[in-house]
PDB file of N, CA and C in Angstrom:
ATOM      1  N   MET A   1      76.586  88.804 -61.182  1.00  0.00           N
ATOM      2  CA  MET A   1      75.579  88.339 -62.102  1.00  0.00           C
ATOM      3  C   MET A   1      74.795  89.550 -62.591  1.00  0.00           C
ATOM      4  N   ILE A   2      74.525  89.602 -63.886  1.00  0.00           N
ATOM      5  CA  ILE A   2      73.698  90.648 -64.477  1.00  0.00           C
ATOM      6  C   ILE A   2      72.449  89.993 -65.043  1.00  0.00           C
ATOM      7  N   LEU A   3      71.295  90.545 -64.678  1.00  0.00           N
ATOM      8  CA  LEU A   3      70.020  90.031 -65.146  1.00  0.00           C
ATOM      9  C   LEU A   3      69.334  91.106 -65.975  1.00  0.00           C
ATOM     10  N   GLN A   4      69.065  90.817 -67.247  1.00  0.00           N
ATOM     11  CA  GLN A   4      68.316  91.751 -68.083  1.00  0.00           C
ATOM     12  C   GLN A   4      66.839  91.646 -67.729  1.00  0.00           C
ATOM     13  N   LEU A   5      66.199  92.785 -67.498  1.00  0.00           N
ATOM     14  CA  LEU A   5      64.781  92.820 -67.152  1.00  0.00           C
ATOM     15  C   LEU A   5      63.971  92.991 -68.430  1.00  0.00           C
ATOM     16  N   ASN A   6      63.165  91.995 -68.750  1.00  0.00           N
ATOM     17  CA  ASN A   6      62.365  92.054 -69.968  1.00  0.00           C
ATOM     18  C   ASN A   6      60.964  91.566 -69.649  1.00  0.00           C
ATOM     19  N   PRO A   7      59.997  92.464 -69.532  1.00  0.00           N
ATOM     20  CA  PRO A   7      60.046  93.889 -69.866  1.00  0.00           C
ATOM     21  C   PRO A   7      60.730  94.696 -68.762  1.00  0.00           C
ATOM     22  N   SER A   8      61.070  95.936 -69.105  1.00  0.00           N
ATOM     23  CA  SER A   8      61.688  96.824 -68.121  1.00  0.00           C
ATOM     24  C   SER A   8      60.676  97.164 -67.026  1.00  0.00           C
ATOM     25  N   ILE A   9      61.184  97.637 -65.886  1.00  0.00           N
ATOM     26  CA  ILE A   9      60.336  97.953 -64.735  1.00  0.00           C
ATOM     27  C   ILE A   9      60.345  99.467 -64.527  1.00  0.00           C
ATOM     28  N   PRO A  10      59.159 100.111 -64.500  1.00  0.00           N
ATOM     29  CA  PRO A  10      59.119 101.552 -64.229  1.00  0.00           C
ATOM     30  C   PRO A  10      59.450 101.826 -62.762  1.00  0.00           C
ATOM     31  N   VAL A  11      60.452 102.680 -62.533  1.00  0.00           N
ATOM     32  CA  VAL A  11      60.900 102.978 -61.174  1.00  0.00           C
ATOM     33  C   VAL A  11      60.997 104.485 -60.958  1.00  0.00           C
ATOM     34  N   GLN A  12      60.976 104.867 -59.680  1.00  0.00           N
ATOM     35  CA  GLN A  12      61.207 106.246 -59.257  1.00  0.00           C
ATOM     36  C   GLN A  12      62.561 106.262 -58.568  1.00  0.00           C
ATOM     37  N   THR A  13      63.473 107.130 -59.031  1.00  0.00           N
ATOM     38  CA  THR A  13      64.815 107.211 -58.464  1.00  0.00           C
ATOM     39  C   THR A  13      65.015 108.572 -57.810  1.00  0.00           C
ATOM     40  N   LEU A  14      66.174 108.777 -57.221  1.00  0.00           N
ATOM     41  CA  LEU A  14      66.511 110.081 -56.658  1.00  0.00           C
ATOM     42  C   LEU A  14      66.641 111.134 -57.750  1.00  0.00           C
ATOM     43  N   SER A  15      66.846 110.708 -58.991  1.00  0.00           N
ATOM     44  CA  SER A  15      67.000 111.630 -60.121  1.00  0.00           C
ATOM     45  C   SER A  15      65.743 111.747 -60.966  1.00  0.00           C
ATOM     46  N   GLY A  16      64.666 111.093 -60.587  1.00  0.00           N
ATOM     47  CA  GLY A  16      63.413 111.155 -61.339  1.00  0.00           C
ATOM     48  C   GLY A  16      62.961 109.775 -61.787  1.00  0.00           C
ATOM     49  N   LYS A  17      61.908 109.777 -62.603  1.00  0.00           N
ATOM     50  CA  LYS A  17      61.342 108.515 -63.090  1.00  0.00           C
ATOM     51  C   LYS A  17      62.202 107.932 -64.201  1.00  0.00           C
ATOM     52  N   GLY A  18      62.154 106.588 -64.310  1.00  0.00           N
ATOM     53  CA  GLY A  18      62.913 105.924 -65.349  1.00  0.00           C
ATOM     54  C   GLY A  18      62.473 104.484 -65.520  1.00  0.00           C
ATOM     55  N   GLN A  19      63.186 103.791 -66.405  1.00  0.00           N
ATOM     56  CA  GLN A  19      62.921 102.386 -66.690  1.00  0.00           C
ATOM     57  C   GLN A  19      64.145 101.568 -66.291  1.00  0.00           C
ATOM     58  N   ALA A  20      63.956 100.640 -65.350  1.00  0.00           N
ATOM     59  CA  ALA A  20      65.036  99.733 -64.964  1.00  0.00           C
ATOM     60  C   ALA A  20      65.138  98.644 -66.024  1.00  0.00           C
ATOM     61  N   VAL A  21      66.330  98.477 -66.600  1.00  0.00           N
ATOM     62  CA  VAL A  21      66.519  97.518 -67.688  1.00  0.00           C
ATOM     63  C   VAL A  21      67.413  96.346 -67.297  1.00  0.00           C
ATOM     64  N   ALA A  22      68.153  96.487 -66.182  1.00  0.00           N
ATOM     65  CA  ALA A  22      69.039  95.408 -65.752  1.00  0.00           C
ATOM     66  C   ALA A  22      69.235  95.489 -64.246  1.00  0.00           C
ATOM     67  N   LEU A  23      69.585  94.349 -63.672  1.00  0.00           N
ATOM     68  CA  LEU A  23      69.841  94.236 -62.242  1.00  0.00           C
ATOM     69  C   LEU A  23      71.218  93.594 -62.080  1.00  0.00           C
ATOM     70  N   ILE A  24      72.075  94.218 -61.266  1.00  0.00           N
ATOM     71  CA  ILE A  24      73.425  93.701 -61.037  1.00  0.00           C
ATOM     72  C   ILE A  24      73.513  93.202 -59.601  1.00  0.00           C
ATOM     73  N   ASP A  25      73.926  91.950 -59.439  1.00  0.00           N
ATOM     74  CA  ASP A  25      74.083  91.336 -58.122  1.00  0.00           C
ATOM     75  C   ASP A  25      75.521  90.851 -58.012  1.00  0.00           C
ATOM     76  N   TYR A  26      76.341  91.572 -57.234  1.00  0.00           N
ATOM     77  CA  TYR A  26      77.746  91.204 -57.106  1.00  0.00           C
ATOM     78  C   TYR A  26      77.944  89.990 -56.203  1.00  0.00           C
ATOM     79  N   SER A  27      77.161  89.891 -55.134  1.00  0.00           N
ATOM     80  CA  SER A  27      77.253  88.742 -54.228  1.00  0.00           C
ATOM     81  C   SER A  27      76.233  88.932 -53.112  1.00  0.00           C
ATOM     82  N   PRO A  28      76.017  87.899 -52.287  1.00  0.00           N
ATOM     83  CA  PRO A  28      75.091  88.052 -51.163  1.00  0.00           C
ATOM     84  C   PRO A  28      75.538  89.120 -50.162  1.00  0.00           C
ATOM     85  N   GLU A  29      76.806  89.506 -50.203  1.00  0.00           N
ATOM     86  CA  GLU A  29      77.343  90.484 -49.252  1.00  0.00           C
ATOM     87  C   GLU A  29      77.141  91.928 -49.702  1.00  0.00           C
ATOM     88  N   HIS A  30      76.615  92.146 -50.913  1.00  0.00           N
ATOM     89  CA  HIS A  30      76.506  93.494 -51.464  1.00  0.00           C
ATOM     90  C   HIS A  30      75.064  93.844 -51.799  1.00  0.00           C
ATOM     91  N   ASP A  31      74.799  95.166 -51.915  1.00  0.00           N
ATOM     92  CA  ASP A  31      73.488  95.640 -52.369  1.00  0.00           C
ATOM     93  C   ASP A  31      73.253  95.231 -53.814  1.00  0.00           C
ATOM     94  N   LEU A  32      71.978  95.195 -54.191  1.00  0.00           N
ATOM     95  CA  LEU A  32      71.630  95.054 -55.603  1.00  0.00           C
ATOM     96  C   LEU A  32      71.790  96.416 -56.268  1.00  0.00           C
ATOM     97  N   TYR A  33      72.168  96.431 -57.534  1.00  0.00           N
ATOM     98  CA  TYR A  33      72.290  97.672 -58.291  1.00  0.00           C
ATOM     99  C   TYR A  33      71.364  97.597 -59.497  1.00  0.00           C
ATOM    100  N   TRP A  34      70.612  98.667 -59.719  1.00  0.00           N
ATOM    101  CA  TRP A  34      69.637  98.749 -60.798  1.00  0.00           C
ATOM    102  C   TRP A  34      70.168  99.664 -61.885  1.00  0.00           C
ATOM    103  N   VAL A  35      70.195  99.195 -63.123  1.00  0.00           N
ATOM    104  CA  VAL A  35      70.579 100.014 -64.270  1.00  0.00           C
ATOM    105  C   VAL A  35      69.297 100.640 -64.806  1.00  0.00           C
ATOM    106  N   VAL A  36      69.245 101.979 -64.782  1.00  0.00           N
ATOM    107  CA  VAL A  36      68.013 102.707 -65.092  1.00  0.00           C
ATOM    108  C   VAL A  36      68.275 103.757 -66.164  1.00  0.00           C
ATOM    109  N   PHE A  37      67.401 103.803 -67.175  1.00  0.00           N
ATOM    110  CA  PHE A  37      67.391 104.899 -68.141  1.00  0.00           C
ATOM    111  C   PHE A  37      66.342 105.900 -67.668  1.00  0.00           C
ATOM    112  N   LEU A  38      66.788 107.143 -67.396  1.00  0.00           N
ATOM    113  CA  LEU A  38      65.887 108.173 -66.896  1.00  0.00           C
ATOM    114  C   LEU A  38      64.998 108.691 -68.013  1.00  0.00           C
ATOM    115  N   ASP A  39      63.725 108.967 -67.681  1.00  0.00           N
ATOM    116  CA  ASP A  39      62.756 109.413 -68.681  1.00  0.00           C
ATOM    117  C   ASP A  39      63.035 110.831 -69.167  1.00  0.00           C
ATOM    118  N   HIS A  40      63.408 111.742 -68.266  1.00  0.00           N
ATOM    119  CA  HIS A  40      63.483 113.156 -68.642  1.00  0.00           C
ATOM    120  C   HIS A  40      64.702 113.520 -69.483  1.00  0.00           C
ATOM    121  N   ASN A  41      65.795 112.780 -69.392  1.00  0.00           N
ATOM    122  CA  ASN A  41      66.982 113.129 -70.188  1.00  0.00           C
ATOM    123  C   ASN A  41      67.619 111.933 -70.893  1.00  0.00           C
ATOM    124  N   ARG A  42      67.026 110.749 -70.767  1.00  0.00           N
ATOM    125  CA  ARG A  42      67.463 109.510 -71.424  1.00  0.00           C
ATOM    126  C   ARG A  42      68.849 109.040 -70.981  1.00  0.00           C
ATOM    127  N   GLU A  43      69.374 109.579 -69.878  1.00  0.00           N
ATOM    128  CA  GLU A  43      70.674 109.146 -69.374  1.00  0.00           C
ATOM    129  C   GLU A  43      70.551 107.796 -68.679  1.00  0.00           C
ATOM    130  N   CYS A  44      71.653 107.053 -68.688  1.00  0.00           N
ATOM    131  CA  CYS A  44      71.707 105.747 -68.035  1.00  0.00           C
ATOM    132  C   CYS A  44      72.504 105.881 -66.740  1.00  0.00           C
ATOM    133  N   TRP A  45      71.888 105.461 -65.618  1.00  0.00           N
ATOM    134  CA  TRP A  45      72.526 105.531 -64.314  1.00  0.00           C
ATOM    135  C   TRP A  45      72.327 104.213 -63.576  1.00  0.00           C
ATOM    136  N   THR A  46      73.179 103.973 -62.596  1.00  0.00           N
ATOM    137  CA  THR A  46      73.049 102.804 -61.738  1.00  0.00           C
ATOM    138  C   THR A  46      72.721 103.276 -60.331  1.00  0.00           C
ATOM    139  N   PHE A  47      71.691 102.678 -59.727  1.00  0.00           N
ATOM    140  CA  PHE A  47      71.233 103.067 -58.397  1.00  0.00           C
ATOM    141  C   PHE A  47      71.276 101.867 -57.462  1.00  0.00           C
ATOM    142  N   GLN A  48      71.595 102.131 -56.189  1.00  0.00           N
ATOM    143  CA  GLN A  48      71.527 101.081 -55.182  1.00  0.00           C
ATOM    144  C   GLN A  48      70.070 100.743 -54.906  1.00  0.00           C
ATOM    145  N   ASN A  49      69.848  99.570 -54.404  1.00  0.00           N
ATOM    146  CA  ASN A  49      68.503  99.087 -54.104  1.00  0.00           C
ATOM    147  C   ASN A  49      67.733 100.064 -53.206  1.00  0.00           C
ATOM    148  N   LYS A  50      68.404 100.674 -52.237  1.00  0.00           N
ATOM    149  CA  LYS A  50      67.737 101.575 -51.289  1.00  0.00           C
ATOM    150  C   LYS A  50      67.326 102.900 -51.919  1.00  0.00           C
ATOM    151  N   ASP A  51      67.810 103.207 -53.119  1.00  0.00           N
ATOM    152  CA  ASP A  51      67.568 104.506 -53.745  1.00  0.00           C
ATOM    153  C   ASP A  51      66.487 104.488 -54.812  1.00  0.00           C
ATOM    154  N   ILE A  52      65.741 103.397 -54.944  1.00  0.00           N
ATOM    155  CA  ILE A  52      64.676 103.354 -55.939  1.00  0.00           C
ATOM    156  C   ILE A  52      63.374 102.869 -55.319  1.00  0.00           C
ATOM    157  N   LEU A  53      62.281 103.269 -55.947  1.00  0.00           N
ATOM    158  CA  LEU A  53      60.940 102.814 -55.586  1.00  0.00           C
ATOM    159  C   LEU A  53      60.232 102.405 -56.864  1.00  0.00           C
ATOM    160  N   ALA A  54      59.250 101.536 -56.744  1.00  0.00           N
ATOM    161  CA  ALA A  54      58.390 101.245 -57.890  1.00  0.00           C
ATOM    162  C   ALA A  54      57.559 102.493 -58.167  1.00  0.00           C
ATOM    163  N   GLN A  55      57.317 102.792 -59.454  1.00  0.00           N
ATOM    164  CA  GLN A  55      56.484 103.944 -59.795  1.00  0.00           C
ATOM    165  C   GLN A  55      55.060 103.705 -59.328  1.00  0.00           C
ATOM    166  N   GLU A  56      54.328 104.806 -59.128  1.00  0.00           N
ATOM    167  CA  GLU A  56      52.927 104.693 -58.739  1.00  0.00           C
ATOM    168  C   GLU A  56      52.148 103.958 -59.821  1.00  0.00           C
ATOM    169  N   ASN A  57      51.112 103.228 -59.392  1.00  0.00           N
ATOM    170  CA  ASN A  57      50.289 102.470 -60.325  1.00  0.00           C
ATOM    171  C   ASN A  57      48.891 102.369 -59.734  1.00  0.00           C
ATOM    172  N   PHE A  58      47.962 103.131 -60.301  1.00  0.00           N
ATOM    173  CA  PHE A  58      46.595 103.176 -59.790  1.00  0.00           C
ATOM    174  C   PHE A  58      45.952 101.795 -59.822  1.00  0.00           C
ATOM    175  N   SER A  59      46.185 101.033 -60.895  1.00  0.00           N
ATOM    176  CA  SER A  59      45.568  99.710 -61.039  1.00  0.00           C
ATOM    177  C   SER A  59      46.004  98.741 -59.948  1.00  0.00           C
ATOM    178  N   LEU A  60      47.226  98.897 -59.464  1.00  0.00           N
ATOM    179  CA  LEU A  60      47.744  98.016 -58.418  1.00  0.00           C
ATOM    180  C   LEU A  60      47.563  98.594 -57.019  1.00  0.00           C
ATOM    181  N   GLY A  61      46.944  99.779 -56.925  1.00  0.00           N
ATOM    182  CA  GLY A  61      46.720 100.393 -55.620  1.00  0.00           C
ATOM    183  C   GLY A  61      47.964 101.010 -55.021  1.00  0.00           C
ATOM    184  N   ARG A  62      48.954 101.312 -55.856  1.00  0.00           N
ATOM    185  CA  ARG A  62      50.189 101.925 -55.379  1.00  0.00           C
ATOM    186  C   ARG A  62      50.028 103.434 -55.481  1.00  0.00           C
ATOM    187  N   SER A  63      49.966 104.125 -54.333  1.00  0.00           N
ATOM    188  CA  SER A  63      49.693 105.558 -54.318  1.00  0.00           C
ATOM    189  C   SER A  63      50.873 106.362 -54.849  1.00  0.00           C
ATOM    190  N   VAL A  64      50.576 107.637 -55.179  1.00  0.00           N
ATOM    191  CA  VAL A  64      51.608 108.528 -55.706  1.00  0.00           C
ATOM    192  C   VAL A  64      52.690 108.766 -54.663  1.00  0.00           C
ATOM    193  N   LYS A  65      52.287 109.012 -53.421  1.00  0.00           N
ATOM    194  CA  LYS A  65      53.258 109.242 -52.350  1.00  0.00           C
ATOM    195  C   LYS A  65      53.252 108.046 -51.399  1.00  0.00           C
ATOM    196  N   PRO A  66      54.420 107.456 -51.133  1.00  0.00           N
ATOM    197  CA  PRO A  66      54.459 106.354 -50.173  1.00  0.00           C
ATOM    198  C   PRO A  66      54.095 106.857 -48.780  1.00  0.00           C
ATOM    199  N   GLN A  67      53.581 105.978 -47.964  1.00  0.00           N
ATOM    200  CA  GLN A  67      53.230 106.349 -46.598  1.00  0.00           C
ATOM    201  C   GLN A  67      54.481 106.770 -45.844  1.00  0.00           C
ATOM    202  N   GLN A  68      54.377 107.886 -45.133  1.00  0.00           N
ATOM    203  CA  GLN A  68      55.533 108.428 -44.418  1.00  0.00           C
ATOM    204  C   GLN A  68      55.943 107.562 -43.232  1.00  0.00           C
ATOM    205  N   ASN A  69      54.989 106.882 -42.622  1.00  0.00           N
ATOM    206  CA  ASN A  69      55.279 106.107 -41.416  1.00  0.00           C
ATOM    207  C   ASN A  69      55.546 104.634 -41.695  1.00  0.00           C
ATOM    208  N   SER A  70      55.698 104.272 -42.966  1.00  0.00           N
ATOM    209  CA  SER A  70      55.929 102.859 -43.261  1.00  0.00           C
ATOM    210  C   SER A  70      57.334 102.472 -42.807  1.00  0.00           C
ATOM    211  N   PRO A  71      57.463 101.371 -42.069  1.00  0.00           N
ATOM    212  CA  PRO A  71      58.773 100.986 -41.544  1.00  0.00           C
ATOM    213  C   PRO A  71      59.696 100.489 -42.647  1.00  0.00           C
ATOM    214  N   ARG A  72      60.965 100.849 -42.539  1.00  0.00           N
ATOM    215  CA  ARG A  72      61.976 100.340 -43.464  1.00  0.00           C
ATOM    216  C   ARG A  72      62.466  99.002 -42.929  1.00  0.00           C
ATOM    217  N   PRO A  73      62.956  98.140 -43.807  1.00  0.00           N
ATOM    218  CA  PRO A  73      63.479  96.853 -43.335  1.00  0.00           C
ATOM    219  C   PRO A  73      64.632  97.058 -42.359  1.00  0.00           C
ATOM    220  N   SER A  74      64.676  96.244 -41.343  1.00  0.00           N
ATOM    221  CA  SER A  74      65.727  96.339 -40.340  1.00  0.00           C
ATOM    222  C   SER A  74      67.014  95.721 -40.872  1.00  0.00           C
ATOM    223  N   LEU A  75      68.126  96.350 -40.544  1.00  0.00           N
ATOM    224  CA  LEU A  75      69.419  95.807 -40.941  1.00  0.00           C
ATOM    225  C   LEU A  75      70.010  94.921 -39.850  1.00  0.00           C
ATOM    226  N   LEU A  76      69.296  94.800 -38.728  1.00  0.00           N
ATOM    227  CA  LEU A  76      69.781  93.958 -37.642  1.00  0.00           C
ATOM    228  C   LEU A  76      69.510  92.493 -37.953  1.00  0.00           C
ATOM    229  N   PRO A  77      70.393  91.595 -37.547  1.00  0.00           N
ATOM    230  CA  PRO A  77      70.155  90.172 -37.812  1.00  0.00           C
ATOM    231  C   PRO A  77      68.922  89.677 -37.065  1.00  0.00           C
ATOM    232  N   MET A  78      68.198  88.776 -37.694  1.00  0.00           N
ATOM    233  CA  MET A  78      67.013  88.195 -37.072  1.00  0.00           C
ATOM    234  C   MET A  78      67.440  87.095 -36.107  1.00  0.00           C
ATOM    235  N   GLU A  79      66.610  86.878 -35.082  1.00  0.00           N
ATOM    236  CA  GLU A  79      66.901  85.808 -34.132  1.00  0.00           C
ATOM    237  C   GLU A  79      66.638  84.463 -34.788  1.00  0.00           C
ATOM    238  N   PHE A  80      67.470  83.492 -34.481  1.00  0.00           N
ATOM    239  CA  PHE A  80      67.329  82.159 -35.043  1.00  0.00           C
ATOM    240  C   PHE A  80      66.714  81.254 -33.996  1.00  0.00           C
ATOM    241  N   SER A  81      65.592  80.642 -34.338  1.00  0.00           N
ATOM    242  CA  SER A  81      64.889  79.801 -33.366  1.00  0.00           C
ATOM    243  C   SER A  81      65.466  78.392 -33.289  1.00  0.00           C
ATOM    244  N   GLY A  82      66.207  77.982 -34.298  1.00  0.00           N
ATOM    245  CA  GLY A  82      66.764  76.636 -34.315  1.00  0.00           C
ATOM    246  C   GLY A  82      65.890  75.642 -35.043  1.00  0.00           C
ATOM    247  N   ALA A  83      64.610  75.985 -35.253  1.00  0.00           N
ATOM    248  CA  ALA A  83      63.701  75.089 -35.981  1.00  0.00           C
ATOM    249  C   ALA A  83      63.937  75.226 -37.473  1.00  0.00           C
ATOM    250  N   VAL A  84      63.825  74.112 -38.158  1.00  0.00           N
ATOM    251  CA  VAL A  84      64.015  74.138 -39.612  1.00  0.00           C
ATOM    252  C   VAL A  84      62.709  73.859 -40.296  1.00  0.00           C
TER     253      VAL A  84
END
């Protein structure tokens, strides 16, 4: 499934800042892929979900540098309590 993002989302990638314009979801078994146009050279690249961050935004309280000690999501399965 491909989802066009309207408006685009400003993101920080391993290659610099850019605008995410589409999201590709192959299946629940795969990572999400972000289609991003980079600001500095206008190239279009696709990044895995783990390789992008939302750009800093003073109004939303999002700092320029993410906290170094912030925990990453665990890839281990969660325990199931049986309650629904």
